[in-house]
Amino acid sequence: MGEASERITRVTIFNRSYDLLGEDAEYLLELAGLVDRKMSEASELTPTVDSVKIAILAALNIADDYLSTRGELERLEKDVSERAERMLVRLRDIGMDSP
C-alpha cells in the first residue's frame, strides 16, 4: 500500500504525545500502549527520572520478551517438525504414505 492509505495517529507514550504515520491506527495505538506500559514498569523499578534511561530499560525489556518468544517459537516449530516426521515414518511403516 502506498502513502495515500497512511494517516497520522496521535499516541501518548510516557506522558508525551507523538504523531505516527501508518495504515493501521489500532495497531499503532497497541504498539504505543506496549511501549508506554514497559516504560512505566521500568520507571517504577528504577530510581532514575531520566526518560532516556527509562526508554533504554523499556527497550531492553521489550527485546528480551521478543528474543524469548522467538526462541520458544523456534523450539515449538522444531518439535512440530520432529513429530510430523515421526508420524510420516509411522504412516510409511503401515503403508499409508500414498493415496
Protein backbone atom coordinates (compact mmCIF):
# COMPACT_ATOMS: atom_id res chain seq x y z
CA MET A 1 0.00 0.00 0.00
CA GLY A 2 1.21 3.50 -0.69
CA GLU A 3 1.34 6.69 1.25
CA ALA A 4 -2.21 7.53 0.21
CA SER A 5 -3.61 4.97 2.66
CA GLU A 6 -1.43 6.12 5.55
CA ARG A 7 -2.74 8.54 8.12
CA ILE A 8 -1.50 10.21 11.26
CA THR A 9 -2.38 8.67 14.59
CA ARG A 10 -1.66 10.55 17.81
CA VAL A 11 -0.32 8.33 20.59
CA THR A 12 0.87 9.01 24.12
CA ILE A 13 3.97 7.30 25.47
CA PHE A 14 5.24 8.09 28.94
CA ASN A 15 3.13 11.27 29.12
CA ARG A 16 4.36 12.61 25.78
CA SER A 17 2.33 12.80 22.59
CA TYR A 18 3.64 11.61 19.24
CA ASP A 19 2.12 11.69 15.78
CA LEU A 20 2.76 8.42 13.97
CA LEU A 21 2.17 7.82 10.28
CA GLY A 22 0.74 4.45 9.34
CA GLU A 23 -2.10 2.50 7.79
CA ASP A 24 -3.47 0.81 10.92
CA ALA A 25 -4.31 3.22 13.73
CA GLU A 26 -5.38 0.42 16.07
CA TYR A 27 -2.06 -1.34 15.65
CA LEU A 28 -0.10 1.88 16.24
CA LEU A 29 -2.13 2.50 19.41
CA GLU A 30 -1.42 -1.05 20.56
CA LEU A 31 2.31 -0.62 19.94
CA ALA A 32 2.36 2.70 21.76
CA GLY A 33 0.43 1.18 24.66
CA LEU A 34 3.00 -1.61 24.97
CA VAL A 35 5.90 0.86 24.96
CA ASP A 36 4.09 3.09 27.46
CA ARG A 37 3.48 0.13 29.81
CA LYS A 38 7.08 -1.03 29.56
CA MET A 39 8.36 2.48 30.27
CA SER A 40 6.02 2.82 33.23
CA GLU A 41 7.19 -0.54 34.60
CA ALA A 42 10.83 0.46 34.14
CA SER A 43 10.29 3.79 35.88
CA GLU A 44 8.72 2.03 38.87
CA LEU A 45 11.69 -0.31 39.20
CA THR A 46 14.48 2.24 38.93
CA PRO A 47 15.15 5.42 40.87
CA THR A 48 16.12 7.45 37.79
CA VAL A 49 13.88 10.13 36.34
CA ASP A 50 15.93 10.29 33.13
CA SER A 51 13.41 9.40 30.42
CA VAL A 52 16.16 8.29 28.03
CA LYS A 53 17.44 5.74 30.55
CA ILE A 54 13.88 4.58 31.18
CA ALA A 55 13.35 4.24 27.42
CA ILE A 56 16.53 2.15 27.14
CA LEU A 57 15.41 -0.11 30.00
CA ALA A 58 11.99 -0.48 28.38
CA ALA A 59 13.62 -1.29 25.03
CA LEU A 60 15.80 -3.93 26.69
CA ASN A 61 12.72 -5.48 28.31
CA ILE A 62 10.86 -5.50 25.00
CA ALA A 63 13.91 -7.02 23.26
CA ASP A 64 14.12 -9.69 25.98
CA ASP A 65 10.43 -10.51 25.52
CA TYR A 66 10.94 -10.70 21.76
CA LEU A 67 14.02 -12.94 21.90
CA SER A 68 12.42 -15.23 24.48
CA THR A 69 9.28 -15.54 22.38
CA ARG A 70 11.29 -16.13 19.21
CA GLY A 71 13.29 -18.85 20.96
CA GLU A 72 10.12 -20.53 22.19
CA LEU A 73 8.62 -20.35 18.69
CA GLU A 74 11.74 -21.96 17.22
CA ARG A 75 11.56 -24.75 19.83
CA LEU A 76 7.87 -25.32 19.05
CA GLU A 77 8.49 -25.35 15.29
CA LYS A 78 11.29 -27.91 15.77
CA ASP A 79 9.04 -30.04 17.98
CA VAL A 80 6.18 -29.96 15.46
CA SER A 81 8.57 -30.81 12.62
CA GLU A 82 10.03 -33.75 14.56
CA ARG A 83 6.56 -35.03 15.47
CA ALA A 84 5.37 -34.72 11.87
CA GLU A 85 8.43 -36.61 10.66
CA ARG A 86 7.81 -39.41 13.19
CA MET A 87 4.16 -39.60 12.11
CA LEU A 88 5.20 -39.79 8.45
CA VAL A 89 7.58 -42.65 9.25
CA ARG A 90 4.78 -44.48 11.07
CA LEU A 91 2.40 -43.98 8.16
CA ARG A 92 5.02 -45.30 5.74
CA ASP A 93 5.59 -48.30 8.01
CA ILE A 94 1.93 -49.25 7.77
CA GLY A 95 1.72 -48.45 4.04
CA MET A 96 -0.37 -45.28 4.25
CA ASP A 97 2.04 -42.83 2.67
CA SER A 98 0.29 -42.75 -0.72
CA PRO A 99 -3.37 -42.42 -1.75
